[in-house]
All heavy atoms as atom14 arrays in JSON, in Angstrom:
{
  "sequence": "DSQRTSGKDAQSMNIQAGKAVAESVRTTLGPKGMDKMLV",
  "atom14_mask": [
    [1, 1, 1, 1, 1, 1, 1, 1, 0, 0, 0, 0, 0, 0],
    [1, 1, 1, 1, 1, 1, 0, 0, 0, 0, 0, 0, 0, 0],
    [1, 1, 1, 1, 1, 1, 1, 1, 1, 0, 0, 0, 0, 0],
    [1, 1, 1, 1, 1, 1, 1, 1, 1, 1, 1, 0, 0, 0],
    [1, 1, 1, 1, 1, 1, 1, 0, 0, 0, 0, 0, 0, 0],
    [1, 1, 1, 1, 1, 1, 0, 0, 0, 0, 0, 0, 0, 0],
    [1, 1, 1, 1, 0, 0, 0, 0, 0, 0, 0, 0, 0, 0],
    [1, 1, 1, 1, 1, 1, 1, 1, 1, 0, 0, 0, 0, 0],
    [1, 1, 1, 1, 1, 1, 1, 1, 0, 0, 0, 0, 0, 0],
    [1, 1, 1, 1, 1, 0, 0, 0, 0, 0, 0, 0, 0, 0],
    [1, 1, 1, 1, 1, 1, 1, 1, 1, 0, 0, 0, 0, 0],
    [1, 1, 1, 1, 1, 1, 0, 0, 0, 0, 0, 0, 0, 0],
    [1, 1, 1, 1, 1, 1, 1, 1, 0, 0, 0, 0, 0, 0],
    [1, 1, 1, 1, 1, 1, 1, 1, 0, 0, 0, 0, 0, 0],
    [1, 1, 1, 1, 1, 1, 1, 1, 0, 0, 0, 0, 0, 0],
    [1, 1, 1, 1, 1, 1, 1, 1, 1, 0, 0, 0, 0, 0],
    [1, 1, 1, 1, 1, 0, 0, 0, 0, 0, 0, 0, 0, 0],
    [1, 1, 1, 1, 0, 0, 0, 0, 0, 0, 0, 0, 0, 0],
    [1, 1, 1, 1, 1, 1, 1, 1, 1, 0, 0, 0, 0, 0],
    [1, 1, 1, 1, 1, 0, 0, 0, 0, 0, 0, 0, 0, 0],
    [1, 1, 1, 1, 1, 1, 1, 0, 0, 0, 0, 0, 0, 0],
    [1, 1, 1, 1, 1, 0, 0, 0, 0, 0, 0, 0, 0, 0],
    [1, 1, 1, 1, 1, 1, 1, 1, 1, 0, 0, 0, 0, 0],
    [1, 1, 1, 1, 1, 1, 0, 0, 0, 0, 0, 0, 0, 0],
    [1, 1, 1, 1, 1, 1, 1, 0, 0, 0, 0, 0, 0, 0],
    [1, 1, 1, 1, 1, 1, 1, 1, 1, 1, 1, 0, 0, 0],
    [1, 1, 1, 1, 1, 1, 1, 0, 0, 0, 0, 0, 0, 0],
    [1, 1, 1, 1, 1, 1, 1, 0, 0, 0, 0, 0, 0, 0],
    [1, 1, 1, 1, 1, 1, 1, 1, 0, 0, 0, 0, 0, 0],
    [1, 1, 1, 1, 0, 0, 0, 0, 0, 0, 0, 0, 0, 0],
    [1, 1, 1, 1, 1, 1, 1, 0, 0, 0, 0, 0, 0, 0],
    [1, 1, 1, 1, 1, 1, 1, 1, 1, 0, 0, 0, 0, 0],
    [1, 1, 1, 1, 0, 0, 0, 0, 0, 0, 0, 0, 0, 0],
    [1, 1, 1, 1, 1, 1, 1, 1, 0, 0, 0, 0, 0, 0],
    [1, 1, 1, 1, 1, 1, 1, 1, 0, 0, 0, 0, 0, 0],
    [1, 1, 1, 1, 1, 1, 1, 1, 1, 0, 0, 0, 0, 0],
    [1, 1, 1, 1, 1, 1, 1, 1, 0, 0, 0, 0, 0, 0],
    [1, 1, 1, 1, 1, 1, 1, 1, 0, 0, 0, 0, 0, 0],
    [1, 1, 1, 1, 1, 1, 1, 0, 0, 0, 0, 0, 0, 0]
  ],
  "atom14_positions": [
    [[-24.14, 12.76, 3.57], [-23.05, 12.54, 2.62], [-21.81, 11.91, 3.27], [-20.89, 11.49, 2.57], [-22.63, 13.87, 1.98], [-23.73, 14.43, 1.09], [-24.56, 13.63, 0.62], [-23.76, 15.66, 0.88], [0.0, 0.0, 0.0], [0.0, 0.0, 0.0], [0.0, 0.0, 0.0], [0.0, 0.0, 0.0], [0.0, 0.0, 0.0], [0.0, 0.0, 0.0]],
    [[-21.76, 11.89, 4.59], [-20.59, 11.34, 5.27], [-20.57, 9.82, 5.17], [-21.61, 9.16, 5.1], [-20.59, 11.75, 6.74], [-20.52, 13.15, 6.87], [0.0, 0.0, 0.0], [0.0, 0.0, 0.0], [0.0, 0.0, 0.0], [0.0, 0.0, 0.0], [0.0, 0.0, 0.0], [0.0, 0.0, 0.0], [0.0, 0.0, 0.0], [0.0, 0.0, 0.0]],
    [[-19.36, 9.26, 5.19], [-19.19, 7.81, 5.16], [-18.3, 7.41, 6.34], [-17.31, 8.07, 6.62], [-18.56, 7.36, 3.84], [-19.45, 7.64, 2.63], [-18.89, 7.04, 1.36], [-18.01, 6.2, 1.41], [-19.43, 7.46, 0.22], [0.0, 0.0, 0.0], [0.0, 0.0, 0.0], [0.0, 0.0, 0.0], [0.0, 0.0, 0.0], [0.0, 0.0, 0.0]],
    [[-18.68, 6.32, 6.99], [-17.97, 5.9, 8.18], [-17.66, 4.42, 8.12], [-18.49, 3.61, 7.72], [-18.83, 6.21, 9.41], [-18.21, 5.79, 10.74], [-19.09, 6.21, 11.9], [-18.53, 5.84, 13.18], [-19.07, 6.15, 14.34], [-20.2, 6.85, 14.38], [-18.5, 5.78, 15.47], [0.0, 0.0, 0.0], [0.0, 0.0, 0.0], [0.0, 0.0, 0.0]],
    [[-16.44, 4.08, 8.5], [-16.02, 2.68, 8.58], [-15.47, 2.46, 9.98], [-14.61, 3.22, 10.44], [-14.93, 2.36, 7.54], [-15.36, 2.83, 6.26], [-14.68, 0.87, 7.47], [0.0, 0.0, 0.0], [0.0, 0.0, 0.0], [0.0, 0.0, 0.0], [0.0, 0.0, 0.0], [0.0, 0.0, 0.0], [0.0, 0.0, 0.0], [0.0, 0.0, 0.0]],
    [[-15.96, 1.43, 10.66], [-15.59, 1.22, 12.06], [-15.05, -0.17, 12.3], [-15.22, -1.09, 11.48], [-16.81, 1.46, 12.96], [-17.36, 2.73, 12.76], [0.0, 0.0, 0.0], [0.0, 0.0, 0.0], [0.0, 0.0, 0.0], [0.0, 0.0, 0.0], [0.0, 0.0, 0.0], [0.0, 0.0, 0.0], [0.0, 0.0, 0.0], [0.0, 0.0, 0.0]],
    [[-14.38, -0.31, 13.47], [-13.95, -1.62, 13.94], [-12.96, -2.31, 13.03], [-12.04, -1.68, 12.48], [0.0, 0.0, 0.0], [0.0, 0.0, 0.0], [0.0, 0.0, 0.0], [0.0, 0.0, 0.0], [0.0, 0.0, 0.0], [0.0, 0.0, 0.0], [0.0, 0.0, 0.0], [0.0, 0.0, 0.0], [0.0, 0.0, 0.0], [0.0, 0.0, 0.0]],
    [[-13.14, -3.6, 12.85], [-12.21, -4.4, 12.08], [-12.16, -3.98, 10.61], [-11.13, -4.12, 9.94], [-12.56, -5.88, 12.19], [-12.25, -6.48, 13.55], [-12.39, -7.99, 13.55], [-11.96, -8.59, 14.89], [-12.06, -10.07, 14.9], [0.0, 0.0, 0.0], [0.0, 0.0, 0.0], [0.0, 0.0, 0.0], [0.0, 0.0, 0.0], [0.0, 0.0, 0.0]],
    [[-13.28, -3.47, 10.11], [-13.29, -3.02, 8.71], [-12.33, -1.86, 8.53], [-11.6, -1.78, 7.53], [-14.71, -2.6, 8.3], [-15.64, -3.79, 8.13], [-15.12, -4.92, 7.96], [-16.87, -3.6, 8.19], [0.0, 0.0, 0.0], [0.0, 0.0, 0.0], [0.0, 0.0, 0.0], [0.0, 0.0, 0.0], [0.0, 0.0, 0.0], [0.0, 0.0, 0.0]],
    [[-12.34, -0.93, 9.49], [-11.43, 0.22, 9.4], [-9.98, -0.23, 9.52], [-9.11, 0.23, 8.76], [-11.76, 1.23, 10.5], [0.0, 0.0, 0.0], [0.0, 0.0, 0.0], [0.0, 0.0, 0.0], [0.0, 0.0, 0.0], [0.0, 0.0, 0.0], [0.0, 0.0, 0.0], [0.0, 0.0, 0.0], [0.0, 0.0, 0.0], [0.0, 0.0, 0.0]],
    [[-9.7, -1.12, 10.48], [-8.34, -1.63, 10.63], [-7.87, -2.34, 9.38], [-6.76, -2.15, 8.89], [-8.27, -2.56, 11.83], [-8.39, -1.86, 13.17], [-8.39, -2.84, 14.33], [-8.82, -3.99, 14.18], [-7.95, -2.4, 15.5], [0.0, 0.0, 0.0], [0.0, 0.0, 0.0], [0.0, 0.0, 0.0], [0.0, 0.0, 0.0], [0.0, 0.0, 0.0]],
    [[-8.75, -3.18, 8.83], [-8.39, -3.94, 7.64], [-8.12, -3.02, 6.45], [-7.16, -3.23, 5.7], [-9.52, -4.93, 7.3], [-9.23, -5.62, 6.11], [0.0, 0.0, 0.0], [0.0, 0.0, 0.0], [0.0, 0.0, 0.0], [0.0, 0.0, 0.0], [0.0, 0.0, 0.0], [0.0, 0.0, 0.0], [0.0, 0.0, 0.0], [0.0, 0.0, 0.0]],
    [[-8.97, -1.99, 6.29], [-8.8, -1.06, 5.19], [-7.45, -0.34, 5.28], [-6.71, -0.22, 4.29], [-9.94, -0.04, 5.2], [-9.88, 0.98, 4.08], [-11.22, 2.16, 4.19], [-10.81, 3.02, 5.71], [0.0, 0.0, 0.0], [0.0, 0.0, 0.0], [0.0, 0.0, 0.0], [0.0, 0.0, 0.0], [0.0, 0.0, 0.0], [0.0, 0.0, 0.0]],
    [[-7.09, 0.14, 6.47], [-5.83, 0.85, 6.66], [-4.63, -0.07, 6.46], [-3.61, 0.33, 5.87], [-5.78, 1.48, 8.06], [-6.75, 2.63, 8.19], [-7.11, 3.27, 7.2], [-7.18, 2.9, 9.42], [0.0, 0.0, 0.0], [0.0, 0.0, 0.0], [0.0, 0.0, 0.0], [0.0, 0.0, 0.0], [0.0, 0.0, 0.0], [0.0, 0.0, 0.0]],
    [[-4.74, -1.3, 6.95], [-3.64, -2.26, 6.78], [-3.43, -2.58, 5.31], [-2.29, -2.63, 4.82], [-3.93, -3.54, 7.59], [-3.77, -3.25, 9.09], [-2.98, -4.67, 7.18], [-4.21, -4.38, 10.0], [0.0, 0.0, 0.0], [0.0, 0.0, 0.0], [0.0, 0.0, 0.0], [0.0, 0.0, 0.0], [0.0, 0.0, 0.0], [0.0, 0.0, 0.0]],
    [[-4.52, -2.79, 4.58], [-4.4, -3.1, 3.15], [-3.76, -1.94, 2.4], [-2.95, -2.15, 1.48], [-5.79, -3.41, 2.55], [-6.46, -4.65, 3.11], [-5.58, -5.89, 3.03], [-4.88, -6.11, 2.05], [-5.6, -6.7, 4.09], [0.0, 0.0, 0.0], [0.0, 0.0, 0.0], [0.0, 0.0, 0.0], [0.0, 0.0, 0.0], [0.0, 0.0, 0.0]],
    [[-4.12, -0.71, 2.78], [-3.53, 0.46, 2.13], [-2.03, 0.53, 2.38], [-1.23, 0.77, 1.45], [-4.21, 1.73, 2.64], [0.0, 0.0, 0.0], [0.0, 0.0, 0.0], [0.0, 0.0, 0.0], [0.0, 0.0, 0.0], [0.0, 0.0, 0.0], [0.0, 0.0, 0.0], [0.0, 0.0, 0.0], [0.0, 0.0, 0.0], [0.0, 0.0, 0.0]],
    [[-1.61, 0.32, 3.63], [-0.19, 0.34, 3.95], [0.58, -0.76, 3.25], [1.69, -0.53, 2.73], [0.0, 0.0, 0.0], [0.0, 0.0, 0.0], [0.0, 0.0, 0.0], [0.0, 0.0, 0.0], [0.0, 0.0, 0.0], [0.0, 0.0, 0.0], [0.0, 0.0, 0.0], [0.0, 0.0, 0.0], [0.0, 0.0, 0.0], [0.0, 0.0, 0.0]],
    [[0.01, -1.95, 3.2], [0.66, -3.07, 2.51], [0.8, -2.79, 1.01], [1.8, -3.15, 0.38], [-0.13, -4.36, 2.74], [0.02, -4.93, 4.14], [-1.07, -5.95, 4.47], [-1.13, -7.1, 3.48], [-2.19, -8.06, 3.83], [0.0, 0.0, 0.0], [0.0, 0.0, 0.0], [0.0, 0.0, 0.0], [0.0, 0.0, 0.0], [0.0, 0.0, 0.0]],
    [[-0.22, -2.14, 0.42], [-0.18, -1.85, -1.01], [0.96, -0.89, -1.35], [1.65, -1.05, -2.36], [-1.52, -1.27, -1.46], [0.0, 0.0, 0.0], [0.0, 0.0, 0.0], [0.0, 0.0, 0.0], [0.0, 0.0, 0.0], [0.0, 0.0, 0.0], [0.0, 0.0, 0.0], [0.0, 0.0, 0.0], [0.0, 0.0, 0.0], [0.0, 0.0, 0.0]],
    [[1.16, 0.12, -0.49], [2.25, 1.07, -0.72], [3.6, 0.36, -0.62], [4.48, 0.55, -1.47], [2.18, 2.23, 0.3], [3.41, 3.12, 0.19], [0.93, 3.06, 0.09], [0.0, 0.0, 0.0], [0.0, 0.0, 0.0], [0.0, 0.0, 0.0], [0.0, 0.0, 0.0], [0.0, 0.0, 0.0], [0.0, 0.0, 0.0], [0.0, 0.0, 0.0]],
    [[3.77, -0.46, 0.41], [5.03, -1.18, 0.58], [5.3, -2.12, -0.59], [6.43, -2.22, -1.08], [5.01, -1.96, 1.9], [0.0, 0.0, 0.0], [0.0, 0.0, 0.0], [0.0, 0.0, 0.0], [0.0, 0.0, 0.0], [0.0, 0.0, 0.0], [0.0, 0.0, 0.0], [0.0, 0.0, 0.0], [0.0, 0.0, 0.0], [0.0, 0.0, 0.0]],
    [[4.25, -2.8, -1.04], [4.42, -3.76, -2.14], [4.78, -3.05, -3.45], [5.49, -3.62, -4.29], [3.11, -4.56, -2.33], [3.28, -5.86, -3.07], [4.21, -6.84, -2.37], [4.24, -6.85, -1.13], [4.91, -7.59, -3.08], [0.0, 0.0, 0.0], [0.0, 0.0, 0.0], [0.0, 0.0, 0.0], [0.0, 0.0, 0.0], [0.0, 0.0, 0.0]],
    [[4.34, -1.8, -3.59], [4.6, -1.08, -4.84], [6.08, -0.74, -5.03], [6.53, -0.56, -6.15], [3.76, 0.2, -4.88], [4.2, 1.13, -3.91], [0.0, 0.0, 0.0], [0.0, 0.0, 0.0], [0.0, 0.0, 0.0], [0.0, 0.0, 0.0], [0.0, 0.0, 0.0], [0.0, 0.0, 0.0], [0.0, 0.0, 0.0], [0.0, 0.0, 0.0]],
    [[6.83, -0.63, -3.93], [8.26, -0.29, -4.06], [9.17, -1.45, -3.67], [10.4, -1.33, -3.78], [8.6, 0.94, -3.18], [7.84, 2.16, -3.64], [8.33, 0.66, -1.71], [0.0, 0.0, 0.0], [0.0, 0.0, 0.0], [0.0, 0.0, 0.0], [0.0, 0.0, 0.0], [0.0, 0.0, 0.0], [0.0, 0.0, 0.0], [0.0, 0.0, 0.0]],
    [[8.6, -2.55, -3.26], [9.42, -3.64, -2.72], [10.39, -4.21, -3.77], [11.53, -4.57, -3.43], [8.5, -4.76, -2.22], [9.24, -5.87, -1.5], [8.28, -6.91, -0.97], [8.98, -8.11, -0.53], [8.42, -9.23, -0.18], [7.1, -9.33, -0.19], [9.13, -10.26, 0.21], [0.0, 0.0, 0.0], [0.0, 0.0, 0.0], [0.0, 0.0, 0.0]],
    [[9.99, -4.27, -5.02], [10.86, -4.87, -6.04], [12.04, -3.98, -6.4], [12.91, -4.38, -7.17], [10.06, -5.17, -7.33], [9.46, -3.96, -7.81], [8.99, -6.2, -7.07], [0.0, 0.0, 0.0], [0.0, 0.0, 0.0], [0.0, 0.0, 0.0], [0.0, 0.0, 0.0], [0.0, 0.0, 0.0], [0.0, 0.0, 0.0], [0.0, 0.0, 0.0]],
    [[12.08, -2.75, -5.87], [13.22, -1.87, -6.16], [14.36, -2.04, -5.17], [15.43, -1.45, -5.35], [12.77, -0.39, -6.13], [12.42, -0.03, -4.78], [11.58, -0.15, -7.03], [0.0, 0.0, 0.0], [0.0, 0.0, 0.0], [0.0, 0.0, 0.0], [0.0, 0.0, 0.0], [0.0, 0.0, 0.0], [0.0, 0.0, 0.0], [0.0, 0.0, 0.0]],
    [[14.16, -2.84, -4.12], [15.15, -2.94, -3.04], [16.36, -3.76, -3.45], [16.24, -4.81, -4.09], [14.5, -3.57, -1.8], [15.36, -3.64, -0.53], [15.63, -2.26, 0.01], [14.67, -4.51, 0.53], [0.0, 0.0, 0.0], [0.0, 0.0, 0.0], [0.0, 0.0, 0.0], [0.0, 0.0, 0.0], [0.0, 0.0, 0.0], [0.0, 0.0, 0.0]],
    [[17.54, -3.27, -3.06], [18.75, -4.07, -3.21], [19.51, -3.79, -4.49], [19.06, -3.08, -5.39], [0.0, 0.0, 0.0], [0.0, 0.0, 0.0], [0.0, 0.0, 0.0], [0.0, 0.0, 0.0], [0.0, 0.0, 0.0], [0.0, 0.0, 0.0], [0.0, 0.0, 0.0], [0.0, 0.0, 0.0], [0.0, 0.0, 0.0], [0.0, 0.0, 0.0]],
    [[20.7, -4.41, -4.58], [21.56, -4.18, -5.76], [20.97, -4.68, -7.06], [21.38, -4.24, -8.13], [22.85, -4.94, -5.4], [22.46, -5.92, -4.36], [21.34, -5.29, -3.6], [0.0, 0.0, 0.0], [0.0, 0.0, 0.0], [0.0, 0.0, 0.0], [0.0, 0.0, 0.0], [0.0, 0.0, 0.0], [0.0, 0.0, 0.0], [0.0, 0.0, 0.0]],
    [[20.02, -5.61, -6.99], [19.4, -6.11, -8.21], [17.92, -5.71, -8.3], [17.14, -6.34, -9.02], [19.53, -7.64, -8.29], [20.96, -8.1, -8.57], [20.99, -9.51, -9.09], [22.38, -9.89, -9.57], [22.42, -11.24, -10.16], [0.0, 0.0, 0.0], [0.0, 0.0, 0.0], [0.0, 0.0, 0.0], [0.0, 0.0, 0.0], [0.0, 0.0, 0.0]],
    [[17.57, -4.64, -7.57], [16.2, -4.14, -7.63], [15.88, -3.57, -9.0], [16.75, -3.08, -9.71], [0.0, 0.0, 0.0], [0.0, 0.0, 0.0], [0.0, 0.0, 0.0], [0.0, 0.0, 0.0], [0.0, 0.0, 0.0], [0.0, 0.0, 0.0], [0.0, 0.0, 0.0], [0.0, 0.0, 0.0], [0.0, 0.0, 0.0], [0.0, 0.0, 0.0]],
    [[14.61, -3.63, -9.36], [14.16, -3.15, -10.66], [13.77, -1.68, -10.58], [13.49, -1.15, -9.5], [12.97, -3.98, -11.14], [13.26, -5.47, -11.27], [14.54, -5.83, -12.49], [13.62, -5.53, -14.01], [0.0, 0.0, 0.0], [0.0, 0.0, 0.0], [0.0, 0.0, 0.0], [0.0, 0.0, 0.0], [0.0, 0.0, 0.0], [0.0, 0.0, 0.0]],
    [[13.75, -1.03, -11.74], [13.33, 0.37, -11.82], [11.85, 0.46, -12.12], [11.22, -0.49, -12.58], [14.1, 1.11, -12.92], [15.58, 1.26, -12.58], [15.94, 1.01, -11.42], [16.36, 1.63, -13.47], [0.0, 0.0, 0.0], [0.0, 0.0, 0.0], [0.0, 0.0, 0.0], [0.0, 0.0, 0.0], [0.0, 0.0, 0.0], [0.0, 0.0, 0.0]],
    [[11.29, 1.64, -11.86], [9.89, 1.92, -12.21], [9.86, 3.12, -13.15], [10.73, 4.0, -13.08], [9.07, 2.26, -10.96], [9.17, 1.26, -9.82], [8.44, -0.01, -10.11], [8.44, -0.93, -8.88], [7.89, -2.25, -9.17], [0.0, 0.0, 0.0], [0.0, 0.0, 0.0], [0.0, 0.0, 0.0], [0.0, 0.0, 0.0], [0.0, 0.0, 0.0]],
    [[8.86, 3.15, -13.99], [8.66, 4.3, -14.86], [7.37, 5.01, -14.44], [6.3, 4.4, -14.41], [8.57, 3.89, -16.33], [8.3, 5.06, -17.27], [8.09, 4.55, -18.99], [9.79, 4.16, -19.42], [0.0, 0.0, 0.0], [0.0, 0.0, 0.0], [0.0, 0.0, 0.0], [0.0, 0.0, 0.0], [0.0, 0.0, 0.0], [0.0, 0.0, 0.0]],
    [[7.48, 6.29, -14.13], [6.34, 7.1, -13.76], [6.07, 8.1, -14.88], [6.97, 8.82, -15.31], [6.6, 7.86, -12.46], [6.73, 7.02, -11.18], [7.15, 7.9, -10.03], [5.43, 6.33, -10.85], [0.0, 0.0, 0.0], [0.0, 0.0, 0.0], [0.0, 0.0, 0.0], [0.0, 0.0, 0.0], [0.0, 0.0, 0.0], [0.0, 0.0, 0.0]],
    [[4.84, 8.14, -15.34], [4.43, 9.08, -16.39], [3.3, 9.93, -15.84], [2.25, 9.4, -15.45], [3.97, 8.33, -17.66], [3.68, 9.33, -18.78], [5.01, 7.32, -18.1], [0.0, 0.0, 0.0], [0.0, 0.0, 0.0], [0.0, 0.0, 0.0], [0.0, 0.0, 0.0], [0.0, 0.0, 0.0], [0.0, 0.0, 0.0], [0.0, 0.0, 0.0]]
  ]
}
């Protein structure tokens, strides 16, 4: 049942995850940043 990701695939997966989090809040930055609605 275990799943394993190694090498460049693991690095790429982690980098994509980090970039996705940063991109999700990037438009809120600054005096003219937009708001988000969480439900």
